[in-house]
C-alpha atoms as a PDB file:
ATOM      1  CA  MET A   1      28.579 -38.101   2.247  1.00  0.00           C
ATOM      2  CA  GLU A   2      27.912 -36.681  -1.196  1.00  0.00           C
ATOM      3  CA  ARG A   3      24.272 -35.934  -0.307  1.00  0.00           C
ATOM      4  CA  SER A   4      25.389 -34.079   2.864  1.00  0.00           C
ATOM      5  CA  ALA A   5      27.866 -31.973   0.922  1.00  0.00           C
ATOM      6  CA  VAL A   6      25.150 -30.943  -1.525  1.00  0.00           C
ATOM      7  CA  SER A   7      22.729 -29.963   1.272  1.00  0.00           C
ATOM      8  CA  THR A   8      25.238 -27.602   2.901  1.00  0.00           C
ATOM      9  CA  ARG A   9      26.220 -25.840  -0.301  1.00  0.00           C
ATOM     10  CA  PRO A  10      25.496 -22.061  -0.006  1.00  0.00           C
ATOM     11  CA  ALA A  11      22.475 -20.828  -1.943  1.00  0.00           C
ATOM     12  CA  PRO A  12      23.453 -18.930  -5.102  1.00  0.00           C
ATOM     13  CA  VAL A  13      23.180 -15.141  -5.220  1.00  0.00           C
ATOM     14  CA  PRO A  14      19.813 -14.317  -6.829  1.00  0.00           C
ATOM     15  CA  ALA A  15      19.666 -12.799 -10.291  1.00  0.00           C
ATOM     16  CA  LEU A  16      18.756  -9.100 -10.407  1.00  0.00           C
ATOM     17  CA  ARG A  17      15.562  -9.778 -12.369  1.00  0.00           C
ATOM     18  CA  ASP A  18      14.378 -12.126  -9.629  1.00  0.00           C
ATOM     19  CA  VAL A  19      15.156  -9.574  -6.897  1.00  0.00           C
ATOM     20  CA  VAL A  20      13.157  -6.967  -8.819  1.00  0.00           C
ATOM     21  CA  GLN A  21      10.257  -9.387  -9.153  1.00  0.00           C
ATOM     22  CA  LEU A  22      10.439 -10.097  -5.410  1.00  0.00           C
ATOM     23  CA  LEU A  23      10.076  -6.370  -4.709  1.00  0.00           C
ATOM     24  CA  LYS A  24       6.940  -6.228  -6.930  1.00  0.00           C
ATOM     25  CA  PRO A  25       7.319  -2.898  -8.783  1.00  0.00           C
ATOM     26  CA  ILE A  26       3.620  -2.914  -9.676  1.00  0.00           C
ATOM     27  CA  THR A  27       2.814  -2.386  -5.972  1.00  0.00           C
ATOM     28  CA  TRP A  28       4.966   0.741  -5.752  1.00  0.00           C
ATOM     29  CA  PHE A  29       2.409   2.895  -7.550  1.00  0.00           C
ATOM     30  CA  PRO A  30      -0.080   3.442  -4.662  1.00  0.00           C
ATOM     31  CA  PRO A  31       2.456   4.780  -2.125  1.00  0.00           C
ATOM     32  CA  MET A  32       4.235   6.827  -4.791  1.00  0.00           C
ATOM     33  CA  TRP A  33       0.894   8.313  -5.872  1.00  0.00           C
ATOM     34  CA  ALA A  34       0.013   9.028  -2.232  1.00  0.00           C
ATOM     35  CA  PHE A  35       3.413  10.677  -1.776  1.00  0.00           C
ATOM     36  CA  MET A  36       2.670  12.898  -4.770  1.00  0.00           C
ATOM     37  CA  CYS A  37      -0.732  13.763  -3.279  1.00  0.00           C
ATOM     38  CA  GLY A  38       1.006  14.708  -0.045  1.00  0.00           C
ATOM     39  CA  ALA A  39       3.467  16.942  -1.874  1.00  0.00           C
ATOM     40  CA  VAL A  40       0.643  18.639  -3.767  1.00  0.00           C
ATOM     41  CA  SER A  41      -1.546  19.046  -0.679  1.00  0.00           C
ATOM     42  CA  SER A  42       1.262  20.875   1.142  1.00  0.00           C
ATOM     43  CA  GLY A  43       0.880  23.848  -1.191  1.00  0.00           C
ATOM     44  CA  ALA A  44       4.639  24.381  -1.102  1.00  0.00           C
ATOM     45  CA  GLY A  45       6.605  25.061  -4.259  1.00  0.00           C
ATOM     46  CA  LEU A  46       9.624  22.994  -5.160  1.00  0.00           C
ATOM     47  CA  ASP A  47      12.116  25.835  -4.598  1.00  0.00           C
ATOM     48  CA  GLY A  48      15.213  23.683  -4.906  1.00  0.00           C
ATOM     49  CA  ARG A  49      13.656  20.662  -3.170  1.00  0.00           C
ATOM     50  CA  TRP A  50      13.911  18.383  -6.209  1.00  0.00           C
ATOM     51  CA  TRP A  51      16.358  16.072  -4.441  1.00  0.00           C
ATOM     52  CA  PHE A  52      14.074  15.765  -1.433  1.00  0.00           C
ATOM     53  CA  VAL A  53      11.099  14.959  -3.655  1.00  0.00           C
ATOM     54  CA  ALA A  54      13.102  12.383  -5.624  1.00  0.00           C
ATOM     55  CA  GLY A  55      14.334  10.838  -2.367  1.00  0.00           C
ATOM     56  CA  GLY A  56      10.803  10.739  -0.988  1.00  0.00           C
ATOM     57  CA  VAL A  57       9.449   9.001  -4.078  1.00  0.00           C
ATOM     58  CA  LEU A  58      12.281   6.477  -3.831  1.00  0.00           C
ATOM     59  CA  LEU A  59      11.535   5.972  -0.141  1.00  0.00           C
ATOM     60  CA  ALA A  60       7.770   5.545  -0.532  1.00  0.00           C
ATOM     61  CA  GLY A  61       7.895   3.173  -3.502  1.00  0.00           C
ATOM     62  CA  PRO A  62      10.965   1.022  -4.183  1.00  0.00           C
ATOM     63  CA  LEU A  63      12.321   1.152  -0.632  1.00  0.00           C
ATOM     64  CA  VAL A  64       9.592   0.953   2.036  1.00  0.00           C
ATOM     65  CA  CYS A  65       6.991  -0.646  -0.228  1.00  0.00           C
ATOM     66  CA  GLY A  66       9.615  -2.906  -1.800  1.00  0.00           C
ATOM     67  CA  THR A  67      10.776  -3.919   1.664  1.00  0.00           C
ATOM     68  CA  SER A  68       7.217  -4.815   2.652  1.00  0.00           C
ATOM     69  CA  GLN A  69       6.901  -7.031  -0.421  1.00  0.00           C
ATOM     70  CA  ALA A  70      10.156  -8.855   0.320  1.00  0.00           C
ATOM     71  CA  VAL A  71       9.137  -9.387   3.957  1.00  0.00           C
ATOM     72  CA  ASN A  72       5.710 -10.602   2.887  1.00  0.00           C
ATOM     73  CA  ASP A  73       7.078 -13.036   0.310  1.00  0.00           C
ATOM     74  CA  TRP A  74       9.556 -14.502   2.791  1.00  0.00           C
ATOM     75  CA  PHE A  75       7.035 -15.148   5.555  1.00  0.00           C
ATOM     76  CA  ASP A  76       4.319 -16.167   3.064  1.00  0.00           C
ATOM     77  CA  ARG A  77       6.463 -18.486   0.985  1.00  0.00           C
ATOM     78  CA  HIS A  78       4.312 -21.496   1.959  1.00  0.00           C
ATOM     79  CA  VAL A  79       1.106 -19.636   1.036  1.00  0.00           C
ATOM     80  CA  ASP A  80       2.625 -18.510  -2.262  1.00  0.00           C
ATOM     81  CA  ALA A  81       3.521 -22.127  -3.020  1.00  0.00           C
ATOM     82  CA  ILE A  82      -0.258 -22.623  -3.307  1.00  0.00           C
ATOM     83  CA  ASN A  83      -1.439 -19.252  -4.688  1.00  0.00           C
ATOM     84  CA  GLU A  84       1.560 -18.155  -6.778  1.00  0.00           C
ATOM     85  CA  PRO A  85       4.083 -20.994  -7.134  1.00  0.00           C
ATOM     86  CA  ASP A  86       5.967 -19.058  -9.814  1.00  0.00           C
ATOM     87  CA  ARG A  87       6.992 -16.325  -7.365  1.00  0.00           C
ATOM     88  CA  PRO A  88      10.803 -16.095  -6.895  1.00  0.00           C
ATOM     89  CA  ILE A  89      10.981 -17.784  -3.469  1.00  0.00           C
ATOM     90  CA  PRO A  90       8.627 -20.777  -3.868  1.00  0.00           C
ATOM     91  CA  SER A  91       9.942 -21.389  -7.384  1.00  0.00           C
ATOM     92  CA  GLY A  92      13.484 -21.651  -6.012  1.00  0.00           C
ATOM     93  CA  ARG A  93      14.884 -18.783  -8.074  1.00  0.00           C
ATOM     94  CA  ILE A  94      15.632 -16.990  -4.799  1.00  0.00           C
ATOM     95  CA  ALA A  95      16.928 -19.879  -2.735  1.00  0.00           C
ATOM     96  CA  GLY A  96      18.049 -20.446   0.825  1.00  0.00           C
ATOM     97  CA  ARG A  97      17.551 -17.460   3.119  1.00  0.00           C
ATOM     98  CA  TRP A  98      18.201 -14.854   0.444  1.00  0.00           C
ATOM     99  CA  GLY A  99      14.594 -13.644   0.606  1.00  0.00           C
ATOM    100  CA  LEU A 100      15.100 -12.730   4.280  1.00  0.00           C
ATOM    101  CA  TYR A 101      18.504 -11.149   3.619  1.00  0.00           C
ATOM    102  CA  ILE A 102      17.054  -8.943   0.873  1.00  0.00           C
ATOM    103  CA  ALA A 103      14.279  -7.781   3.210  1.00  0.00           C
ATOM    104  CA  MET A 104      16.828  -6.916   5.925  1.00  0.00           C
ATOM    105  CA  ILE A 105      19.119  -5.024   3.533  1.00  0.00           C
ATOM    106  CA  ALA A 106      16.172  -3.069   2.118  1.00  0.00           C
ATOM    107  CA  THR A 107      15.085  -2.165   5.656  1.00  0.00           C
ATOM    108  CA  VAL A 108      18.475  -0.663   6.502  1.00  0.00           C
ATOM    109  CA  VAL A 109      18.696   1.265   3.214  1.00  0.00           C
ATOM    110  CA  SER A 110      15.147   2.621   3.693  1.00  0.00           C
ATOM    111  CA  ALA A 111      15.968   3.848   7.201  1.00  0.00           C
ATOM    112  CA  LEU A 112      19.135   5.566   5.971  1.00  0.00           C
ATOM    113  CA  VAL A 113      17.298   7.382   3.166  1.00  0.00           C
ATOM    114  CA  GLY A 114      14.582   8.447   5.606  1.00  0.00           C
ATOM    115  CA  TRP A 115      17.243   9.832   7.948  1.00  0.00           C
ATOM    116  CA  LEU A 116      18.769  11.860   5.100  1.00  0.00           C
ATOM    117  CA  LEU A 117      15.371  13.425   4.349  1.00  0.00           C
ATOM    118  CA  GLY A 118      14.880  14.855   7.834  1.00  0.00           C
ATOM    119  CA  PRO A 119      13.570  13.957  11.287  1.00  0.00           C
ATOM    120  CA  LEU A 120       9.847  13.760  10.453  1.00  0.00           C
ATOM    121  CA  VAL A 121      10.457  11.639   7.373  1.00  0.00           C
ATOM    122  CA  PHE A 122      12.864   9.414   9.303  1.00  0.00           C
ATOM    123  CA  VAL A 123      10.235   8.734  11.963  1.00  0.00           C
ATOM    124  CA  ALA A 124       7.615   8.087   9.277  1.00  0.00           C
ATOM    125  CA  ALA A 125      10.002   5.666   7.560  1.00  0.00           C
ATOM    126  CA  LEU A 126      10.640   3.782  10.810  1.00  0.00           C
ATOM    127  CA  VAL A 127       6.895   3.505  11.441  1.00  0.00           C
ATOM    128  CA  GLY A 128       6.343   2.253   7.901  1.00  0.00           C
ATOM    129  CA  LEU A 129       9.130  -0.309   8.209  1.00  0.00           C
ATOM    130  CA  ALA A 130       7.845  -1.508  11.584  1.00  0.00           C
ATOM    131  CA  LEU A 131       4.367  -1.989  10.114  1.00  0.00           C
ATOM    132  CA  ALA A 132       5.852  -3.733   7.058  1.00  0.00           C
ATOM    133  CA  TRP A 133       7.498  -6.329   9.289  1.00  0.00           C
ATOM    134  CA  GLY A 134       4.582  -6.541  11.704  1.00  0.00           C
ATOM    135  CA  TYR A 135       2.175  -7.154   8.834  1.00  0.00           C
ATOM    136  CA  SER A 136       3.832 -10.401   7.751  1.00  0.00           C
ATOM    137  CA  ALA A 137       6.244 -11.524  10.475  1.00  0.00           C
ATOM    138  CA  PRO A 138       5.564 -13.268  13.787  1.00  0.00           C
ATOM    139  CA  PRO A 139       4.627 -12.547  16.492  1.00  0.00           C
ATOM    140  CA  PHE A 140       2.245  -9.856  15.227  1.00  0.00           C
ATOM    141  CA  ARG A 141       1.513 -11.041  11.678  1.00  0.00           C
ATOM    142  CA  PHE A 142      -1.293  -8.519  11.260  1.00  0.00           C
ATOM    143  CA  LYS A 143      -2.252  -9.995   7.906  1.00  0.00           C
ATOM    144  CA  THR A 144      -3.812 -13.037   9.568  1.00  0.00           C
ATOM    145  CA  SER A 145      -6.773 -10.786  10.459  1.00  0.00           C
ATOM    146  CA  GLY A 146      -9.002  -9.512   7.690  1.00  0.00           C
ATOM    147  CA  TRP A 147      -9.681  -6.437   9.816  1.00  0.00           C
ATOM    148  CA  THR A 148      -6.227  -5.503  11.084  1.00  0.00           C
ATOM    149  CA  GLY A 149      -4.179  -6.441   8.009  1.00  0.00           C
ATOM    150  CA  PRO A 150      -5.928  -4.184   5.472  1.00  0.00           C
ATOM    151  CA  ALA A 151      -5.970  -1.347   8.018  1.00  0.00           C
ATOM    152  CA  VAL A 152      -2.181  -1.580   8.438  1.00  0.00           C
ATOM    153  CA  VAL A 153      -1.620  -1.583   4.675  1.00  0.00           C
ATOM    154  CA  GLY A 154      -3.998   1.336   4.132  1.00  0.00           C
ATOM    155  CA  LEU A 155      -2.271   3.363   6.837  1.00  0.00           C
ATOM    156  CA  THR A 156       1.173   2.614   5.397  1.00  0.00           C
ATOM    157  CA  TYR A 157       0.550   2.808   1.646  1.00  0.00           C
ATOM    158  CA  GLU A 158      -1.797   5.781   1.636  1.00  0.00           C
ATOM    159  CA  GLY A 159      -1.645   7.722   4.899  1.00  0.00           C
ATOM    160  CA  LEU A 160       2.021   7.443   5.775  1.00  0.00           C
ATOM    161  CA  SER A 161       3.131   8.049   2.188  1.00  0.00           C
ATOM    162  CA  TRP A 162       0.856  11.103   1.953  1.00  0.00           C
ATOM    163  CA  PHE A 163       2.268  12.392   5.243  1.00  0.00           C
ATOM    164  CA  THR A 164       5.821  11.846   3.983  1.00  0.00           C
ATOM    165  CA  GLY A 165       5.128  13.814   0.795  1.00  0.00           C
ATOM    166  CA  ALA A 166       3.726  16.766   2.709  1.00  0.00           C
ATOM    167  CA  ALA A 167       6.490  16.645   5.328  1.00  0.00           C
ATOM    168  CA  VAL A 168       9.223  16.544   2.661  1.00  0.00           C
ATOM    169  CA  MET A 169       7.813  19.643   0.982  1.00  0.00           C
ATOM    170  CA  LEU A 170       7.143  21.617   4.158  1.00  0.00           C
ATOM    171  CA  GLY A 171      10.011  20.445   6.308  1.00  0.00           C
ATOM    172  CA  ALA A 172       7.438  20.525   9.096  1.00  0.00           C
ATOM    173  CA  MET A 173       4.200  18.915  10.290  1.00  0.00           C
ATOM    174  CA  PRO A 174       1.383  19.139   7.694  1.00  0.00           C
ATOM    175  CA  SER A 175      -1.773  21.106   8.501  1.00  0.00           C
ATOM    176  CA  ALA A 176      -4.689  19.607  10.413  1.00  0.00           C
ATOM    177  CA  GLN A 177      -6.789  19.616   7.229  1.00  0.00           C
ATOM    178  CA  VAL A 178      -4.183  17.559   5.385  1.00  0.00           C
ATOM    179  CA  LEU A 179      -3.874  15.124   8.297  1.00  0.00           C
ATOM    180  CA  ILE A 180      -7.650  14.607   8.473  1.00  0.00           C
ATOM    181  CA  VAL A 181      -7.968  13.934   4.734  1.00  0.00           C
ATOM    182  CA  LEU A 182      -5.019  11.531   4.608  1.00  0.00           C
ATOM    183  CA  VAL A 183      -6.464   9.564   7.542  1.00  0.00           C
ATOM    184  CA  LEU A 184      -9.840   9.315   5.785  1.00  0.00           C
ATOM    185  CA  TYR A 185      -8.275   8.047   2.563  1.00  0.00           C
ATOM    186  CA  SER A 186      -6.231   5.565   4.618  1.00  0.00           C
ATOM    187  CA  LEU A 187      -9.445   4.197   6.117  1.00  0.00           C
ATOM    188  CA  GLY A 188     -10.997   3.873   2.674  1.00  0.00           C
ATOM    189  CA  ALA A 189      -7.966   1.921   1.484  1.00  0.00           C
ATOM    190  CA  HIS A 190      -9.084  -0.880   3.836  1.00  0.00           C
ATOM    191  CA  GLY A 191     -11.705  -1.675   1.202  1.00  0.00           C
ATOM    192  CA  ILE A 192      -9.098  -1.725  -1.551  1.00  0.00           C
ATOM    193  CA  MET A 193      -7.038  -4.270   0.351  1.00  0.00           C
ATOM    194  CA  THR A 194     -10.103  -6.416   1.013  1.00  0.00           C
ATOM    195  CA  LEU A 195     -10.740  -6.578  -2.737  1.00  0.00           C
ATOM    196  CA  ASN A 196      -7.084  -7.486  -3.238  1.00  0.00           C
ATOM    197  CA  ASP A 197      -7.586 -10.498  -0.934  1.00  0.00           C
ATOM    198  CA  PHE A 198     -10.055 -12.079  -3.365  1.00  0.00           C
ATOM    199  CA  LYS A 199      -7.221 -13.441  -5.503  1.00  0.00           C
ATOM    200  CA  ALA A 200      -5.826 -15.516  -2.610  1.00  0.00           C
ATOM    201  CA  VAL A 201      -8.963 -17.049  -1.089  1.00  0.00           C
ATOM    202  CA  GLU A 202      -7.918 -20.651  -1.788  1.00  0.00           C
ATOM    203  CA  GLY A 203      -4.460 -20.292  -0.259  1.00  0.00           C
ATOM    204  CA  ASP A 204      -5.756 -18.232   2.669  1.00  0.00           C
ATOM    205  CA  ARG A 205      -8.269 -20.953   3.552  1.00  0.00           C
ATOM    206  CA  ALA A 206      -5.628 -23.663   3.283  1.00  0.00           C
ATOM    207  CA  THR A 207      -3.172 -21.844   5.542  1.00  0.00           C
ATOM    208  CA  GLY A 208      -5.580 -20.377   8.087  1.00  0.00           C
ATOM    209  CA  LEU A 209      -5.358 -16.707   7.072  1.00  0.00           C
ATOM    210  CA  LYS A 210      -8.622 -15.055   8.081  1.00  0.00           C
ATOM    211  CA  SER A 211      -9.095 -12.554   5.272  1.00  0.00           C
ATOM    212  CA  LEU A 212     -12.564 -11.040   5.009  1.00  0.00           C
ATOM    213  CA  PRO A 213     -13.441 -12.961   1.814  1.00  0.00           C
ATOM    214  CA  VAL A 214     -12.681 -16.131   3.811  1.00  0.00           C
ATOM    215  CA  THR A 215     -14.480 -15.213   7.045  1.00  0.00           C
ATOM    216  CA  LEU A 216     -17.439 -13.263   5.634  1.00  0.00           C
ATOM    217  CA  GLY A 217     -17.747 -14.913   2.245  1.00  0.00           C
ATOM    218  CA  VAL A 218     -17.017 -13.192  -1.046  1.00  0.00           C
ATOM    219  CA  ALA A 219     -20.429 -11.519  -1.406  1.00  0.00           C
ATOM    220  CA  ARG A 220     -20.488  -9.861   2.022  1.00  0.00           C
ATOM    221  CA  ALA A 221     -16.798  -8.962   1.808  1.00  0.00           C
ATOM    222  CA  ALA A 222     -17.394  -7.196  -1.516  1.00  0.00           C
ATOM    223  CA  GLN A 223     -20.334  -5.253  -0.070  1.00  0.00           C
ATOM    224  CA  LEU A 224     -18.263  -4.226   2.928  1.00  0.00           C
ATOM    225  CA  ALA A 225     -15.360  -3.158   0.717  1.00  0.00           C
ATOM    226  CA  CYS A 226     -17.643  -0.873  -1.290  1.00  0.00           C
ATOM    227  CA  VAL A 227     -19.039   0.744   1.851  1.00  0.00           C
ATOM    228  CA  VAL A 228     -15.607   1.178   3.428  1.00  0.00           C
ATOM    229  CA  MET A 229     -14.248   2.810   0.271  1.00  0.00           C
ATOM    230  CA  ALA A 230     -17.231   5.110  -0.239  1.00  0.00           C
ATOM    231  CA  ALA A 231     -17.931   6.364   3.287  1.00  0.00           C
ATOM    232  CA  PRO A 232     -14.612   8.219   3.846  1.00  0.00           C
ATOM    233  CA  GLN A 233     -14.943   9.848   0.423  1.00  0.00           C
ATOM    234  CA  LEU A 234     -18.377  11.190   1.369  1.00  0.00           C
ATOM    235  CA  ILE A 235     -16.840  12.727   4.488  1.00  0.00           C
ATOM    236  CA  VAL A 236     -13.964  14.184   2.442  1.00  0.00           C
ATOM    237  CA  ILE A 237     -16.463  15.796   0.055  1.00  0.00           C
ATOM    238  CA  ALA A 238     -18.358  17.363   2.955  1.00  0.00           C
ATOM    239  CA  LEU A 239     -15.166  18.640   4.589  1.00  0.00           C
ATOM    240  CA  LEU A 240     -13.750  20.092   1.380  1.00  0.00           C
ATOM    241  CA  ALA A 241     -17.008  21.939   0.770  1.00  0.00           C
ATOM    242  CA  MET A 242     -17.060  23.209   4.361  1.00  0.00           C
ATOM    243  CA  TRP A 243     -13.450  24.404   4.093  1.00  0.00           C
ATOM    244  CA  GLY A 244     -14.213  26.341   0.906  1.00  0.00           C
ATOM    245  CA  TYR A 245     -12.635  23.991  -1.657  1.00  0.00           C
ATOM    246  CA  ALA A 246     -15.801  23.753  -3.757  1.00  0.00           C
ATOM    247  CA  LEU A 247     -14.253  22.651  -7.055  1.00  0.00           C
ATOM    248  CA  SER A 248     -12.176  19.997  -5.301  1.00  0.00           C
ATOM    249  CA  ALA A 249     -15.313  18.699  -3.544  1.00  0.00           C
ATOM    250  CA  ILE A 250     -17.170  18.521  -6.862  1.00  0.00           C
ATOM    251  CA  LEU A 251     -14.349  16.552  -8.513  1.00  0.00           C
ATOM    252  CA  VAL A 252     -14.166  14.057  -5.651  1.00  0.00           C
ATOM    253  CA  GLY A 253     -17.958  13.751  -5.865  1.00  0.00           C
ATOM    254  CA  CYS A 254     -17.753  12.988  -9.588  1.00  0.00           C
ATOM    255  CA  VAL A 255     -15.246  10.171  -9.160  1.00  0.00           C
ATOM    256  CA  LEU A 256     -17.321   8.743  -6.311  1.00  0.00           C
ATOM    257  CA  ILE A 257     -20.430   8.735  -8.524  1.00  0.00           C
ATOM    258  CA  ALA A 258     -18.420   6.861 -11.155  1.00  0.00           C
ATOM    259  CA  GLN A 259     -17.440   4.313  -8.494  1.00  0.00           C
ATOM    260  CA  PHE A 260     -21.098   3.871  -7.532  1.00  0.00           C
ATOM    261  CA  ALA A 261     -21.866   3.208 -11.212  1.00  0.00           C
ATOM    262  CA  ALA A 262     -19.216   0.458 -11.333  1.00  0.00           C
ATOM    263  CA  MET A 263     -20.153  -1.235  -8.043  1.00  0.00           C
ATOM    264  CA  PRO A 264     -23.221  -3.199  -9.270  1.00  0.00           C
ATOM    265  CA  ARG A 265     -21.065  -5.202 -11.674  1.00  0.00           C
ATOM    266  CA  LEU A 266     -18.672  -6.082  -8.862  1.00  0.00           C
ATOM    267  CA  LEU A 267     -21.482  -7.084  -6.518  1.00  0.00           C
ATOM    268  CA  ARG A 268     -23.145  -9.346  -9.125  1.00  0.00           C
ATOM    269  CA  SER A 269     -20.112 -11.622  -9.177  1.00  0.00           C
ATOM    270  CA  PRO A 270     -17.426 -10.526  -6.687  1.00  0.00           C
ATOM    271  CA  ALA A 271     -15.044 -13.422  -7.283  1.00  0.00           C
ATOM    272  CA  LYS A 272     -15.090 -12.758 -11.028  1.00  0.00           C
ATOM    273  CA  TYR A 273     -15.061  -8.967 -11.063  1.00  0.00           C
ATOM    274  CA  ALA A 274     -12.897  -8.057  -8.052  1.00  0.00           C
ATOM    275  CA  PRO A 275      -9.770  -7.776 -10.275  1.00  0.00           C
ATOM    276  CA  TRP A 276     -11.743  -5.630 -12.726  1.00  0.00           C
ATOM    277  CA  TYR A 277     -12.991  -3.332  -9.959  1.00  0.00           C
ATOM    278  CA  ASN A 278      -9.489  -3.142  -8.537  1.00  0.00           C
ATOM    279  CA  GLY A 279      -8.531  -1.585 -11.862  1.00  0.00           C
ATOM    280  CA  VAL A 280     -11.558   0.665 -12.418  1.00  0.00           C
ATOM    281  CA  GLY A 281     -12.781   1.559  -8.942  1.00  0.00           C
ATOM    282  CA  VAL A 282      -9.356   1.953  -7.383  1.00  0.00           C
ATOM    283  CA  THR A 283      -8.187   4.164 -10.254  1.00  0.00           C
ATOM    284  CA  LEU A 284     -11.163   6.433  -9.640  1.00  0.00           C
ATOM    285  CA  TYR A 285     -10.429   6.382  -5.905  1.00  0.00           C
ATOM    286  CA  VAL A 286      -6.846   7.580  -6.341  1.00  0.00           C
ATOM    287  CA  PHE A 287      -7.911  10.287  -8.808  1.00  0.00           C
ATOM    288  CA  GLY A 288     -10.198  11.511  -6.045  1.00  0.00           C
ATOM    289  CA  MET A 289      -7.186  11.619  -3.719  1.00  0.00           C
ATOM    290  CA  LEU A 290      -5.402  13.882  -6.183  1.00  0.00           C
ATOM    291  CA  ALA A 291      -8.448  16.126  -6.563  1.00  0.00           C
ATOM    292  CA  ALA A 292      -8.608  16.524  -2.789  1.00  0.00           C
ATOM    293  CA  ALA A 293      -4.871  17.235  -2.632  1.00  0.00           C
ATOM    294  CA  LEU A 294      -5.124  19.887  -5.345  1.00  0.00           C
ATOM    295  CA  GLY A 295      -7.808  21.653  -3.343  1.00  0.00           C
ATOM    296  CA  LEU A 296      -5.872  21.490  -0.076  1.00  0.00           C
ATOM    297  CA  GLY A 297      -2.762  22.804  -1.806  1.00  0.00           C
ATOM    298  CA  GLY A 298      -4.652  25.756  -3.240  1.00  0.00           C
ATOM    299  CA  TYR A 299      -4.225  24.709  -6.870  1.00  0.00           C
ATOM    300  CA  ILE A 300      -7.958  24.536  -7.652  1.00  0.00           C
END
């Protein structure tokens, strides 16, 4: 009787620090940066739109991205028990079904903020939230494929956030040039996510997740990631030059050359240097995004 009473006791409300850790603030930077690139690429001045910009940054980072992290941790709690047992859910610091409840609450709040920012942003938020759930949750669980999963994340973190930034500033659909560039950088982000999968190879193998480092091997996956990151940037450089944004094209070219210089170290030992390249190469990649955005916005 005593054992039964203990088993039905409600799970305690999680501590705020554990909720924050569940939402992984370190992952908010890419979509927030992409949002900023979108705002810059629009070429629109602030003109009293500070609240919209602040709301968009909140939406792209802590809300939609934070929601995706909560959803991912809930549906990956068994994988994290192998790869990251100290995470809030597998460690028991967020007990019971609180991980799922947090993800659901964050979804509703994200949708409400998107609605307040206007129709285009609301639709973008709904798409982002749908992809966040589809990435980790059955029946879609896009992350089980090393091809589909990174594509979904790249589209959400980079492309959709960029689109949201431009839409917030313009209050309308961004230009065709902006849309083309944000799609290209979204495609390149597939390589970034492949490199990110290197840290979870052991757990992915054990649980049947078919990430590219698992299915192709770490060496081939690293080579593919480099190609996938570089190819869209080459196209962006060509397009910027063709559209008359010469300085922007030169800057993107410079950061791509720096990435090429860093790639040999990654390819010598992908398992060892993937985290290093995630810091160096990805930083260069996102600086290229900003250089492209500055050109599209008419700032350089």
